[in-house]
């Protein structure tokens, strides 16, 4: 996921732009902590040192192309396969949205 602008529109952390490196695609055979199978479609680190990972959970979930990223300032954001989102600002504050 080269562009996390959708996360920024939710009032999340800045500094997620920049060229990415170390990307991988099509890594399959993974299982999430909730037991769901997924394929990693891309992952890596941008020029500011922020990590991102995009996952494809298939068509049986609300948000098949989920992703997460974590920033060097300690903040992180998850767009989950059930359509929910979670943002943690790295300073004790967090926001959870049940419907994305």
PDB file of N, CA and C in Angstrom:
ATOM      1  N   UNK A   1       0.855  -1.172   0.000  1.00  0.00           N
ATOM      2  CA  UNK A   1       0.000   0.000   0.000  1.00  0.00           C
ATOM      3  C   UNK A   1       0.887   1.216   0.000  1.00  0.00           C
ATOM      4  N   UNK A   2       1.047   1.839  -1.107  1.00  0.00           N
ATOM      5  CA  UNK A   2       1.953   2.956  -1.241  1.00  0.00           C
ATOM      6  C   UNK A   2       1.345   4.241  -0.727  1.00  0.00           C
ATOM      7  N   UNK A   3       0.045   4.321  -0.560  1.00  0.00           N
ATOM      8  CA  UNK A   3      -0.595   5.559  -0.188  1.00  0.00           C
ATOM      9  C   UNK A   3      -1.579   5.305   0.937  1.00  0.00           C
ATOM     10  N   UNK A   4      -1.310   5.860   2.105  1.00  0.00           N
ATOM     11  CA  UNK A   4      -2.210   5.695   3.239  1.00  0.00           C
ATOM     12  C   UNK A   4      -3.064   6.933   3.457  1.00  0.00           C
ATOM     13  N   UNK A   5      -3.441   7.644   2.396  1.00  0.00           N
ATOM     14  CA  UNK A   5      -4.206   8.867   2.544  1.00  0.00           C
ATOM     15  C   UNK A   5      -5.567   8.611   3.169  1.00  0.00           C
ATOM     16  N   UNK A   6      -6.148   7.436   2.979  1.00  0.00           N
ATOM     17  CA  UNK A   6      -7.436   7.152   3.593  1.00  0.00           C
ATOM     18  C   UNK A   6      -7.326   7.150   5.110  1.00  0.00           C
ATOM     19  N   UNK A   7      -6.203   6.729   5.627  1.00  0.00           N
ATOM     20  CA  UNK A   7      -6.007   6.752   7.073  1.00  0.00           C
ATOM     21  C   UNK A   7      -5.828   8.180   7.553  1.00  0.00           C
ATOM     22  N   UNK A   8      -5.127   9.007   6.790  1.00  0.00           N
ATOM     23  CA  UNK A   8      -4.920  10.388   7.187  1.00  0.00           C
ATOM     24  C   UNK A   8      -6.228  11.161   7.223  1.00  0.00           C
ATOM     25  N   UNK A   9      -7.195  10.822   6.381  1.00  0.00           N
ATOM     26  CA  UNK A   9      -8.464  11.523   6.383  1.00  0.00           C
ATOM     27  C   UNK A   9      -9.254  11.238   7.656  1.00  0.00           C
ATOM     28  N   UNK A  10      -8.870  10.229   8.411  1.00  0.00           N
ATOM     29  CA  UNK A  10      -9.538   9.916   9.665  1.00  0.00           C
ATOM     30  C   UNK A  10      -8.916  10.660  10.837  1.00  0.00           C
ATOM     31  N   UNK A  11      -8.022  11.599  10.548  1.00  0.00           N
ATOM     32  CA  UNK A  11      -7.386  12.354  11.607  1.00  0.00           C
ATOM     33  C   UNK A  11      -6.218  11.622  12.219  1.00  0.00           C
ATOM     34  N   UNK A  12      -5.616  10.720  11.494  1.00  0.00           N
ATOM     35  CA  UNK A  12      -4.519   9.949  12.034  1.00  0.00           C
ATOM     36  C   UNK A  12      -3.198  10.633  11.763  1.00  0.00           C
ATOM     37  N   UNK A  13      -2.147   9.949  12.043  1.00  0.00           N
ATOM     38  CA  UNK A  13      -0.809  10.497  12.019  1.00  0.00           C
ATOM     39  C   UNK A  13      -0.371  10.940  10.640  1.00  0.00           C
ATOM     40  N   UNK A  14       0.453  11.974  10.624  1.00  0.00           N
ATOM     41  CA  UNK A  14       1.073  12.390   9.378  1.00  0.00           C
ATOM     42  C   UNK A  14       2.395  11.663   9.224  1.00  0.00           C
ATOM     43  N   UNK A  15       3.064  11.910   8.130  1.00  0.00           N
ATOM     44  CA  UNK A  15       4.361  11.286   7.909  1.00  0.00           C
ATOM     45  C   UNK A  15       4.268   9.897   7.337  1.00  0.00           C
ATOM     46  N   UNK A  16       3.182   9.584   6.680  1.00  0.00           N
ATOM     47  CA  UNK A  16       3.062   8.261   6.093  1.00  0.00           C
ATOM     48  C   UNK A  16       3.344   8.258   4.603  1.00  0.00           C
ATOM     49  N   UNK A  17       3.706   9.420   4.062  1.00  0.00           N
ATOM     50  CA  UNK A  17       3.983   9.463   2.635  1.00  0.00           C
ATOM     51  C   UNK A  17       5.450   9.181   2.375  1.00  0.00           C
ATOM     52  N   UNK A  18       5.772   8.975   1.151  1.00  0.00           N
ATOM     53  CA  UNK A  18       7.156   8.726   0.769  1.00  0.00           C
ATOM     54  C   UNK A  18       7.280   7.428   0.028  1.00  0.00           C
ATOM     55  N   UNK A  19       8.365   7.291  -0.667  1.00  0.00           N
ATOM     56  CA  UNK A  19       8.592   6.079  -1.449  1.00  0.00           C
ATOM     57  C   UNK A  19       8.787   4.886  -0.528  1.00  0.00           C
ATOM     58  N   UNK A  20       8.285   3.763  -0.959  1.00  0.00           N
ATOM     59  CA  UNK A  20       8.427   2.561  -0.151  1.00  0.00           C
ATOM     60  C   UNK A  20       9.566   1.711  -0.660  1.00  0.00           C
ATOM     61  N   UNK A  21      10.069   0.884   0.217  1.00  0.00           N
ATOM     62  CA  UNK A  21      11.116  -0.051  -0.171  1.00  0.00           C
ATOM     63  C   UNK A  21      10.853  -1.380   0.502  1.00  0.00           C
ATOM     64  N   UNK A  22      11.468  -2.414   0.010  1.00  0.00           N
ATOM     65  CA  UNK A  22      11.326  -3.729   0.623  1.00  0.00           C
ATOM     66  C   UNK A  22       9.948  -4.316   0.465  1.00  0.00           C
ATOM     67  N   UNK A  23       9.273  -4.005  -0.626  1.00  0.00           N
ATOM     68  CA  UNK A  23       7.921  -4.515  -0.797  1.00  0.00           C
ATOM     69  C   UNK A  23       7.930  -5.978  -1.195  1.00  0.00           C
ATOM     70  N   UNK A  24       6.877  -6.660  -0.824  1.00  0.00           N
ATOM     71  CA  UNK A  24       6.683  -8.037  -1.256  1.00  0.00           C
ATOM     72  C   UNK A  24       5.257  -8.161  -1.739  1.00  0.00           C
ATOM     73  N   UNK A  25       4.995  -9.125  -2.570  1.00  0.00           N
ATOM     74  CA  UNK A  25       3.627  -9.304  -3.030  1.00  0.00           C
ATOM     75  C   UNK A  25       3.310 -10.782  -3.164  1.00  0.00           C
ATOM     76  N   UNK A  26       2.042 -11.092  -2.964  1.00  0.00           N
ATOM     77  CA  UNK A  26       1.573 -12.441  -3.176  1.00  0.00           C
ATOM     78  C   UNK A  26       2.018 -13.467  -2.160  1.00  0.00           C
ATOM     79  N   UNK A  27       2.376 -13.063  -0.956  1.00  0.00           N
ATOM     80  CA  UNK A  27       2.773 -14.013   0.072  1.00  0.00           C
ATOM     81  C   UNK A  27       1.516 -14.630   0.661  1.00  0.00           C
ATOM     82  N   UNK A  28       1.301 -15.911   0.419  1.00  0.00           N
ATOM     83  CA  UNK A  28       0.075 -16.554   0.873  1.00  0.00           C
ATOM     84  C   UNK A  28       0.376 -17.583   1.953  1.00  0.00           C
ATOM     85  N   UNK A  29      -0.679 -18.227   2.443  1.00  0.00           N
ATOM     86  CA  UNK A  29      -0.529 -19.258   3.452  1.00  0.00           C
ATOM     87  C   UNK A  29      -0.417 -18.714   4.857  1.00  0.00           C
ATOM     88  N   UNK A  30      -0.842 -17.484   5.072  1.00  0.00           N
ATOM     89  CA  UNK A  30      -0.787 -16.870   6.392  1.00  0.00           C
ATOM     90  C   UNK A  30      -2.141 -16.975   7.072  1.00  0.00           C
ATOM     91  N   UNK A  31      -2.128 -16.943   8.397  1.00  0.00           N
ATOM     92  CA  UNK A  31      -3.352 -16.948   9.181  1.00  0.00           C
ATOM     93  C   UNK A  31      -3.259 -15.851  10.226  1.00  0.00           C
ATOM     94  N   UNK A  32      -4.303 -15.021  10.328  1.00  0.00           N
ATOM     95  CA  UNK A  32      -4.324 -13.931  11.296  1.00  0.00           C
ATOM     96  C   UNK A  32      -4.543 -14.473  12.705  1.00  0.00           C
ATOM     97  N   UNK A  33      -4.407 -13.599  13.697  1.00  0.00           N
ATOM     98  CA  UNK A  33      -4.619 -13.999  15.086  1.00  0.00           C
ATOM     99  C   UNK A  33      -6.066 -14.417  15.333  1.00  0.00           C
ATOM    100  N   UNK A  34      -6.982 -13.974  14.466  1.00  0.00           N
ATOM    101  CA  UNK A  34      -8.387 -14.372  14.601  1.00  0.00           C
ATOM    102  C   UNK A  34      -8.708 -15.631  13.799  1.00  0.00           C
ATOM    103  N   UNK A  35      -7.684 -16.237  13.186  1.00  0.00           N
ATOM    104  CA  UNK A  35      -7.868 -17.480  12.463  1.00  0.00           C
ATOM    105  C   UNK A  35      -8.243 -17.336  11.002  1.00  0.00           C
ATOM    106  N   UNK A  36      -8.245 -16.111  10.482  1.00  0.00           N
ATOM    107  CA  UNK A  36      -8.606 -15.885   9.086  1.00  0.00           C
ATOM    108  C   UNK A  36      -7.382 -16.006   8.186  1.00  0.00           C
ATOM    109  N   UNK A  37      -7.534 -16.679   7.063  1.00  0.00           N
ATOM    110  CA  UNK A  37      -6.449 -16.814   6.093  1.00  0.00           C
ATOM    111  C   UNK A  37      -6.343 -15.540   5.268  1.00  0.00           C
ATOM    112  N   UNK A  38      -5.132 -15.162   4.906  1.00  0.00           N
ATOM    113  CA  UNK A  38      -4.926 -13.970   4.088  1.00  0.00           C
ATOM    114  C   UNK A  38      -3.683 -14.121   3.233  1.00  0.00           C
ATOM    115  N   UNK A  39      -3.602 -13.272   2.222  1.00  0.00           N
ATOM    116  CA  UNK A  39      -2.428 -13.152   1.372  1.00  0.00           C
ATOM    117  C   UNK A  39      -1.861 -11.760   1.568  1.00  0.00           C
ATOM    118  N   UNK A  40      -0.584 -11.652   1.852  1.00  0.00           N
ATOM    119  CA  UNK A  40       0.057 -10.343   1.950  1.00  0.00           C
ATOM    120  C   UNK A  40       0.268  -9.825   0.538  1.00  0.00           C
ATOM    121  N   UNK A  41      -0.380  -8.704   0.217  1.00  0.00           N
ATOM    122  CA  UNK A  41      -0.281  -8.161  -1.132  1.00  0.00           C
ATOM    123  C   UNK A  41       0.865  -7.171  -1.273  1.00  0.00           C
ATOM    124  N   UNK A  42       1.222  -6.479  -0.200  1.00  0.00           N
ATOM    125  CA  UNK A  42       2.399  -5.610  -0.211  1.00  0.00           C
ATOM    126  C   UNK A  42       2.786  -5.286   1.220  1.00  0.00           C
ATOM    127  N   UNK A  43       4.051  -5.024   1.410  1.00  0.00           N
ATOM    128  CA  UNK A  43       4.535  -4.600   2.719  1.00  0.00           C
ATOM    129  C   UNK A  43       5.876  -3.929   2.519  1.00  0.00           C
ATOM    130  N   UNK A  44       6.268  -3.153   3.478  1.00  0.00           N
ATOM    131  CA  UNK A  44       7.557  -2.491   3.376  1.00  0.00           C
ATOM    132  C   UNK A  44       7.657  -1.306   4.300  1.00  0.00           C
ATOM    133  N   UNK A  45       8.588  -0.439   3.984  1.00  0.00           N
ATOM    134  CA  UNK A  45       8.860   0.733   4.789  1.00  0.00           C
ATOM    135  C   UNK A  45       9.044   1.919   3.847  1.00  0.00           C
ATOM    136  N   UNK A  46       8.448   3.063   4.200  1.00  0.00           N
ATOM    137  CA  UNK A  46       8.629   4.226   3.344  1.00  0.00           C
ATOM    138  C   UNK A  46       9.889   4.994   3.732  1.00  0.00           C
ATOM    139  N   UNK A  47      10.143   6.084   3.047  1.00  0.00           N
ATOM    140  CA  UNK A  47      11.395   6.820   3.236  1.00  0.00           C
ATOM    141  C   UNK A  47      11.516   7.449   4.622  1.00  0.00           C
ATOM    142  N   UNK A  48      10.399   7.617   5.343  1.00  0.00           N
ATOM    143  CA  UNK A  48      10.448   8.144   6.712  1.00  0.00           C
ATOM    144  C   UNK A  48      10.622   7.042   7.752  1.00  0.00           C
ATOM    145  N   UNK A  49      10.693   5.791   7.327  1.00  0.00           N
ATOM    146  CA  UNK A  49      10.869   4.682   8.255  1.00  0.00           C
ATOM    147  C   UNK A  49       9.578   4.121   8.801  1.00  0.00           C
ATOM    148  N   UNK A  50       8.446   4.461   8.192  1.00  0.00           N
ATOM    149  CA  UNK A  50       7.144   3.966   8.624  1.00  0.00           C
ATOM    150  C   UNK A  50       6.820   2.655   7.914  1.00  0.00           C
ATOM    151  N   UNK A  51       6.371   1.664   8.666  1.00  0.00           N
ATOM    152  CA  UNK A  51       6.062   0.330   8.139  1.00  0.00           C
ATOM    153  C   UNK A  51       4.608   0.257   7.689  1.00  0.00           C
ATOM    154  N   UNK A  52       4.356  -0.484   6.612  1.00  0.00           N
ATOM    155  CA  UNK A  52       2.987  -0.745   6.186  1.00  0.00           C
ATOM    156  C   UNK A  52       2.865  -2.186   5.698  1.00  0.00           C
ATOM    157  N   UNK A  53       1.659  -2.698   5.743  1.00  0.00           N
ATOM    158  CA  UNK A  53       1.384  -4.046   5.256  1.00  0.00           C
ATOM    159  C   UNK A  53      -0.060  -4.085   4.764  1.00  0.00           C
ATOM    160  N   UNK A  54      -0.256  -4.590   3.569  1.00  0.00           N
ATOM    161  CA  UNK A  54      -1.583  -4.732   2.986  1.00  0.00           C
ATOM    162  C   UNK A  54      -1.892  -6.216   2.843  1.00  0.00           C
ATOM    163  N   UNK A  55      -3.108  -6.611   3.230  1.00  0.00           N
ATOM    164  CA  UNK A  55      -3.500  -8.022   3.207  1.00  0.00           C
ATOM    165  C   UNK A  55      -4.817  -8.205   2.466  1.00  0.00           C
ATOM    166  N   UNK A  56      -4.912  -9.280   1.717  1.00  0.00           N
ATOM    167  CA  UNK A  56      -6.144  -9.643   1.019  1.00  0.00           C
ATOM    168  C   UNK A  56      -6.756 -10.840   1.738  1.00  0.00           C
ATOM    169  N   UNK A  57      -7.950 -10.646   2.301  1.00  0.00           N
ATOM    170  CA  UNK A  57      -8.648 -11.704   3.029  1.00  0.00           C
ATOM    171  C   UNK A  57      -9.693 -12.411   2.174  1.00  0.00           C
ATOM    172  N   UNK A  58      -9.754 -12.087   0.894  1.00  0.00           N
ATOM    173  CA  UNK A  58     -10.723 -12.728   0.015  1.00  0.00           C
ATOM    174  C   UNK A  58     -12.069 -12.038   0.040  1.00  0.00           C
ATOM    175  N   UNK A  59     -13.052 -12.668  -0.572  1.00  0.00           N
ATOM    176  CA  UNK A  59     -14.359 -12.034  -0.756  1.00  0.00           C
ATOM    177  C   UNK A  59     -15.360 -12.322   0.360  1.00  0.00           C
ATOM    178  N   UNK A  60     -15.010 -13.115   1.345  1.00  0.00           N
ATOM    179  CA  UNK A  60     -15.956 -13.492   2.401  1.00  0.00           C
ATOM    180  C   UNK A  60     -15.924 -12.574   3.613  1.00  0.00           C
ATOM    181  N   UNK A  61     -15.285 -11.407   3.494  1.00  0.00           N
ATOM    182  CA  UNK A  61     -15.207 -10.455   4.599  1.00  0.00           C
ATOM    183  C   UNK A  61     -15.679  -9.085   4.123  1.00  0.00           C
ATOM    184  N   UNK A  62     -16.016  -8.199   5.064  1.00  0.00           N
ATOM    185  CA  UNK A  62     -16.501  -6.861   4.722  1.00  0.00           C
ATOM    186  C   UNK A  62     -15.453  -6.020   4.009  1.00  0.00           C
ATOM    187  N   UNK A  63     -14.202  -6.131   4.432  1.00  0.00           N
ATOM    188  CA  UNK A  63     -13.105  -5.339   3.879  1.00  0.00           C
ATOM    189  C   UNK A  63     -12.002  -6.306   3.469  1.00  0.00           C
ATOM    190  N   UNK A  64     -12.060  -6.811   2.253  1.00  0.00           N
ATOM    191  CA  UNK A  64     -11.120  -7.854   1.834  1.00  0.00           C
ATOM    192  C   UNK A  64      -9.687  -7.353   1.715  1.00  0.00           C
ATOM    193  N   UNK A  65      -9.500  -6.076   1.424  1.00  0.00           N
ATOM    194  CA  UNK A  65      -8.155  -5.518   1.281  1.00  0.00           C
ATOM    195  C   UNK A  65      -7.804  -4.670   2.497  1.00  0.00           C
ATOM    196  N   UNK A  66      -7.538  -5.322   3.582  1.00  0.00           N
ATOM    197  CA  UNK A  66      -7.203  -4.672   4.841  1.00  0.00           C
ATOM    198  C   UNK A  66      -5.739  -4.267   4.856  1.00  0.00           C
ATOM    199  N   UNK A  67      -5.398  -3.332   5.720  1.00  0.00           N
ATOM    200  CA  UNK A  67      -4.008  -2.916   5.846  1.00  0.00           C
ATOM    201  C   UNK A  67      -3.745  -2.366   7.235  1.00  0.00           C
ATOM    202  N   UNK A  68      -2.491  -2.243   7.552  1.00  0.00           N
ATOM    203  CA  UNK A  68      -2.085  -1.548   8.764  1.00  0.00           C
ATOM    204  C   UNK A  68      -0.771  -0.837   8.501  1.00  0.00           C
ATOM    205  N   UNK A  69      -0.509   0.171   9.303  1.00  0.00           N
ATOM    206  CA  UNK A  69       0.794   0.809   9.255  1.00  0.00           C
ATOM    207  C   UNK A  69       1.188   1.274  10.640  1.00  0.00           C
ATOM    208  N   UNK A  70       2.462   1.369  10.854  1.00  0.00           N
ATOM    209  CA  UNK A  70       2.986   1.885  12.113  1.00  0.00           C
ATOM    210  C   UNK A  70       4.045   2.921  11.788  1.00  0.00           C
ATOM    211  N   UNK A  71       4.022   3.996  12.548  1.00  0.00           N
ATOM    212  CA  UNK A  71       4.908   5.126  12.317  1.00  0.00           C
ATOM    213  C   UNK A  71       6.040   5.167  13.331  1.00  0.00           C
ATOM    214  N   UNK A  72       7.104   5.839  12.975  1.00  0.00           N
ATOM    215  CA  UNK A  72       8.261   5.943  13.861  1.00  0.00           C
ATOM    216  C   UNK A  72       7.935   6.715  15.137  1.00  0.00           C
ATOM    217  N   UNK A  73       6.853   7.498  15.148  1.00  0.00           N
ATOM    218  CA  UNK A  73       6.472   8.235  16.356  1.00  0.00           C
ATOM    219  C   UNK A  73       5.671   7.377  17.334  1.00  0.00           C
ATOM    220  N   UNK A  74       5.478   6.085  17.011  1.00  0.00           N
ATOM    221  CA  UNK A  74       4.761   5.175  17.900  1.00  0.00           C
ATOM    222  C   UNK A  74       3.292   5.008  17.569  1.00  0.00           C
ATOM    223  N   UNK A  75       2.756   5.814  16.660  1.00  0.00           N
ATOM    224  CA  UNK A  75       1.350   5.677  16.294  1.00  0.00           C
ATOM    225  C   UNK A  75       1.170   4.537  15.299  1.00  0.00           C
ATOM    226  N   UNK A  76      -0.042   3.990  15.255  1.00  0.00           N
ATOM    227  CA  UNK A  76      -0.343   2.944  14.286  1.00  0.00           C
ATOM    228  C   UNK A  76      -1.823   2.938  13.953  1.00  0.00           C
ATOM    229  N   UNK A  77      -2.151   2.357  12.803  1.00  0.00           N
ATOM    230  CA  UNK A  77      -3.510   2.347  12.273  1.00  0.00           C
ATOM    231  C   UNK A  77      -3.811   0.984  11.664  1.00  0.00           C
ATOM    232  N   UNK A  78      -4.995   0.461  11.929  1.00  0.00           N
ATOM    233  CA  UNK A  78      -5.445  -0.800  11.343  1.00  0.00           C
ATOM    234  C   UNK A  78      -6.782  -0.587  10.636  1.00  0.00           C
ATOM    235  N   UNK A  79      -6.879  -1.070   9.420  1.00  0.00           N
ATOM    236  CA  UNK A  79      -8.138  -1.186   8.696  1.00  0.00           C
ATOM    237  C   UNK A  79      -8.400  -2.685   8.611  1.00  0.00           C
ATOM    238  N   UNK A  80      -9.364  -3.167   9.372  1.00  0.00           N
ATOM    239  CA  UNK A  80      -9.562  -4.596   9.604  1.00  0.00           C
ATOM    240  C   UNK A  80     -10.499  -5.258   8.596  1.00  0.00           C
ATOM    241  N   UNK A  81     -10.406  -6.585   8.452  1.00  0.00           N
ATOM    242  CA  UNK A  81     -11.256  -7.290   7.486  1.00  0.00           C
ATOM    243  C   UNK A  81     -12.749  -7.233   7.807  1.00  0.00           C
ATOM    244  N   UNK A  82     -13.119  -6.965   9.055  1.00  0.00           N
ATOM    245  CA  UNK A  82     -14.540  -6.870   9.407  1.00  0.00           C
ATOM    246  C   UNK A  82     -15.111  -5.472   9.165  1.00  0.00           C
ATOM    247  N   UNK A  83     -14.305  -4.558   8.613  1.00  0.00           N
ATOM    248  CA  UNK A  83     -14.754  -3.205   8.320  1.00  0.00           C
ATOM    249  C   UNK A  83     -14.433  -2.200   9.407  1.00  0.00           C
ATOM    250  N   UNK A  84     -13.963  -2.649  10.547  1.00  0.00           N
ATOM    251  CA  UNK A  84     -13.625  -1.733  11.630  1.00  0.00           C
ATOM    252  C   UNK A  84     -12.243  -1.115  11.398  1.00  0.00           C
ATOM    253  N   UNK A  85     -11.999  -0.008  12.082  1.00  0.00           N
ATOM    254  CA  UNK A  85     -10.685   0.629  12.045  1.00  0.00           C
ATOM    255  C   UNK A  85     -10.230   0.898  13.469  1.00  0.00           C
ATOM    256  N   UNK A  86      -8.942   0.949  13.654  1.00  0.00           N
ATOM    257  CA  UNK A  86      -8.366   1.248  14.962  1.00  0.00           C
ATOM    258  C   UNK A  86      -7.153   2.134  14.761  1.00  0.00           C
ATOM    259  N   UNK A  87      -7.096   3.223  15.505  1.00  0.00           N
ATOM    260  CA  UNK A  87      -5.955   4.128  15.462  1.00  0.00           C
ATOM    261  C   UNK A  87      -5.451   4.354  16.875  1.00  0.00           C
ATOM    262  N   UNK A  88      -4.155   4.258  17.060  1.00  0.00           N
ATOM    263  CA  UNK A  88      -3.513   4.558  18.331  1.00  0.00           C
ATOM    264  C   UNK A  88      -2.486   5.637  18.052  1.00  0.00           C
ATOM    265  N   UNK A  89      -2.547   6.742  18.796  1.00  0.00           N
ATOM    266  CA  UNK A  89      -1.655   7.866  18.514  1.00  0.00           C
ATOM    267  C   UNK A  89      -0.261   7.708  19.111  1.00  0.00           C
ATOM    268  N   UNK A  90       0.000   6.628  19.818  1.00  0.00           N
ATOM    269  CA  UNK A  90       1.315   6.392  20.386  1.00  0.00           C
ATOM    270  C   UNK A  90       1.555   7.101  21.702  1.00  0.00           C
ATOM    271  N   UNK A  91       0.562   7.881  22.151  1.00  0.00           N
ATOM    272  CA  UNK A  91       0.674   8.623  23.406  1.00  0.00           C
ATOM    273  C   UNK A  91      -0.455   8.297  24.367  1.00  0.00           C
ATOM    274  N   UNK A  92      -1.051   7.130  24.224  1.00  0.00           N
ATOM    275  CA  UNK A  92      -2.115   6.723  25.129  1.00  0.00           C
ATOM    276  C   UNK A  92      -3.516   6.954  24.604  1.00  0.00           C
ATOM    277  N   UNK A  93      -3.657   7.661  23.496  1.00  0.00           N
ATOM    278  CA  UNK A  93      -4.977   7.901  22.924  1.00  0.00           C
ATOM    279  C   UNK A  93      -5.261   6.942  21.786  1.00  0.00           C
ATOM    280  N   UNK A  94      -6.506   6.519  21.675  1.00  0.00           N
ATOM    281  CA  UNK A  94      -6.857   5.618  20.581  1.00  0.00           C
ATOM    282  C   UNK A  94      -8.302   5.848  20.161  1.00  0.00           C
ATOM    283  N   UNK A  95      -8.599   5.444  18.935  1.00  0.00           N
ATOM    284  CA  UNK A  95      -9.939   5.556  18.377  1.00  0.00           C
ATOM    285  C   UNK A  95     -10.284   4.246  17.689  1.00  0.00           C
ATOM    286  N   UNK A  96     -11.455   3.718  17.990  1.00  0.00           N
ATOM    287  CA  UNK A  96     -11.948   2.502  17.347  1.00  0.00           C
ATOM    288  C   UNK A  96     -13.262   2.828  16.654  1.00  0.00           C
ATOM    289  N   UNK A  97     -13.389   2.410  15.421  1.00  0.00           N
ATOM    290  CA  UNK A  97     -14.624   2.587  14.678  1.00  0.00           C
ATOM    291  C   UNK A  97     -15.133   1.213  14.266  1.00  0.00           C
ATOM    292  N   UNK A  98     -16.309   0.875  14.719  1.00  0.00           N
ATOM    293  CA  UNK A  98     -16.851  -0.457  14.471  1.00  0.00           C
ATOM    294  C   UNK A  98     -17.174  -0.709  12.999  1.00  0.00           C
ATOM    295  N   UNK A  99     -17.630   0.306  12.298  1.00  0.00           N
ATOM    296  CA  UNK A  99     -18.056   0.135  10.908  1.00  0.00           C
ATOM    297  C   UNK A  99     -17.082   0.733   9.905  1.00  0.00           C
ATOM    298  N   UNK A 100     -15.897   1.044  10.337  1.00  0.00           N
ATOM    299  CA  UNK A 100     -14.912   1.590   9.416  1.00  0.00           C
ATOM    300  C   UNK A 100     -15.107   2.988   9.191  1.00  0.00           C
TER     301      UNK A 100
END
